[in-house]
Structures are given as structure tokens and as C-alpha cells.
Amino acid sequence: AMARPDDIIFAAELPKTRSGKIMRRLLRDVAEGRALGDTTTLADPAVVDSLKEQYGDEE
């Protein structure tokens, strides 16, 4: 059996830490509608807001 994603959403930017690592936990939280938790290490918090808005529009 092959794993397939339910949705694919293209984004201009991904949430990254100040050191440039992608914050996969935040992507999961947005997709599952959970509270975001600690976002103090985000380089640009506006990226998460944009993703939440875009993901909400896709559903």
C-alpha cells in the first residue's frame, strides 16, 4: 500500500526558524486545526497566519 496525502496546498513560504529550519510541527498543527503552541523561534510569524488563511480557503 502506498501513502497518499489527502490535500496538497502550494505556499509561497514555509514557517522557518531563525536558523532556517522548517517547522514541520506548525504545518501539522495548521492542517489538523490544533493550537500552534510555542512560536517564539519563528523568523516570520506572518507566514503561519497566511498558511492558516490559505488552508481554511482550501477546505
C-alpha atoms as a PDB file:
ATOM      1  CA  ALA A   1       0.000   0.000   0.000  1.00  0.00           C
ATOM      2  CA  MET A   2       1.183   3.476  -0.805  1.00  0.00           C
ATOM      3  CA  ALA A   3       0.682   6.512   1.393  1.00  0.00           C
ATOM      4  CA  ARG A   4      -1.003   9.450  -0.311  1.00  0.00           C
ATOM      5  CA  PRO A   5      -1.696  12.899   1.103  1.00  0.00           C
ATOM      6  CA  ASP A   6      -5.320  13.991   1.365  1.00  0.00           C
ATOM      7  CA  ASP A   7      -4.508  17.533   0.257  1.00  0.00           C
ATOM      8  CA  ILE A   8      -1.650  19.325  -1.441  1.00  0.00           C
ATOM      9  CA  ILE A   9      -1.511  23.055  -0.904  1.00  0.00           C
ATOM     10  CA  PHE A  10       1.115  25.233  -2.532  1.00  0.00           C
ATOM     11  CA  ALA A  11       2.519  28.048  -0.412  1.00  0.00           C
ATOM     12  CA  ALA A  12       4.864  30.916  -1.177  1.00  0.00           C
ATOM     13  CA  GLU A  13       6.708  30.436   2.128  1.00  0.00           C
ATOM     14  CA  LEU A  14       7.017  27.874   4.900  1.00  0.00           C
ATOM     15  CA  PRO A  15       7.341  28.605   8.618  1.00  0.00           C
ATOM     16  CA  LYS A  16      11.052  28.593   9.427  1.00  0.00           C
ATOM     17  CA  THR A  17      13.142  29.168  12.499  1.00  0.00           C
ATOM     18  CA  ARG A  18      15.665  31.980  12.608  1.00  0.00           C
ATOM     19  CA  SER A  19      18.323  29.402  11.703  1.00  0.00           C
ATOM     20  CA  GLY A  20      16.374  28.382   8.572  1.00  0.00           C
ATOM     21  CA  LYS A  21      14.886  25.046   9.643  1.00  0.00           C
ATOM     22  CA  ILE A  22      11.319  24.298   8.503  1.00  0.00           C
ATOM     23  CA  MET A  23       8.935  23.976  11.459  1.00  0.00           C
ATOM     24  CA  ARG A  24       7.042  20.836  10.421  1.00  0.00           C
ATOM     25  CA  ARG A  25       5.139  20.751  13.722  1.00  0.00           C
ATOM     26  CA  LEU A  26       3.450  24.047  12.838  1.00  0.00           C
ATOM     27  CA  LEU A  27       2.476  22.716   9.413  1.00  0.00           C
ATOM     28  CA  ARG A  28       0.871  19.694  11.101  1.00  0.00           C
ATOM     29  CA  ASP A  29      -0.900  21.901  13.639  1.00  0.00           C
ATOM     30  CA  VAL A  30      -2.367  24.126  10.917  1.00  0.00           C
ATOM     31  CA  ALA A  31      -3.521  21.117   8.882  1.00  0.00           C
ATOM     32  CA  GLU A  32      -5.134  19.446  11.903  1.00  0.00           C
ATOM     33  CA  GLY A  33      -6.665  22.642  13.300  1.00  0.00           C
ATOM     34  CA  ARG A  34      -4.755  22.460  16.581  1.00  0.00           C
ATOM     35  CA  ALA A  35      -3.370  25.282  18.714  1.00  0.00           C
ATOM     36  CA  LEU A  36       0.074  26.301  17.496  1.00  0.00           C
ATOM     37  CA  GLY A  37       1.928  26.188  20.794  1.00  0.00           C
ATOM     38  CA  ASP A  38       5.387  27.757  21.007  1.00  0.00           C
ATOM     39  CA  THR A  39       6.141  30.037  18.053  1.00  0.00           C
ATOM     40  CA  THR A  40       8.877  32.154  19.649  1.00  0.00           C
ATOM     41  CA  THR A  41      11.574  30.810  17.314  1.00  0.00           C
ATOM     42  CA  LEU A  42       9.693  31.709  14.121  1.00  0.00           C
ATOM     43  CA  ALA A  43      11.583  34.009  11.763  1.00  0.00           C
ATOM     44  CA  ASP A  44       8.334  35.480  10.339  1.00  0.00           C
ATOM     45  CA  PRO A  45       5.093  34.825  12.272  1.00  0.00           C
ATOM     46  CA  ALA A  46       3.013  36.241   9.391  1.00  0.00           C
ATOM     47  CA  VAL A  47       3.806  33.102   7.369  1.00  0.00           C
ATOM     48  CA  VAL A  48       1.735  30.957   9.757  1.00  0.00           C
ATOM     49  CA  ASP A  49      -1.223  33.338   9.544  1.00  0.00           C
ATOM     50  CA  SER A  50      -1.016  33.182   5.756  1.00  0.00           C
ATOM     51  CA  LEU A  51      -0.935  29.371   5.807  1.00  0.00           C
ATOM     52  CA  LYS A  52      -3.933  29.171   8.164  1.00  0.00           C
ATOM     53  CA  GLU A  53      -5.906  31.506   5.918  1.00  0.00           C
ATOM     54  CA  GLN A  54      -4.922  29.626   2.766  1.00  0.00           C
ATOM     55  CA  TYR A  55      -5.642  26.201   4.302  1.00  0.00           C
ATOM     56  CA  GLY A  56      -9.050  27.398   5.505  1.00  0.00           C
ATOM     57  CA  ASP A  57      -9.879  28.588   1.979  1.00  0.00           C
ATOM     58  CA  GLU A  58      -8.955  25.185   0.507  1.00  0.00           C
ATOM     59  CA  GLU A  59     -11.257  23.172   2.781  1.00  0.00           C
END
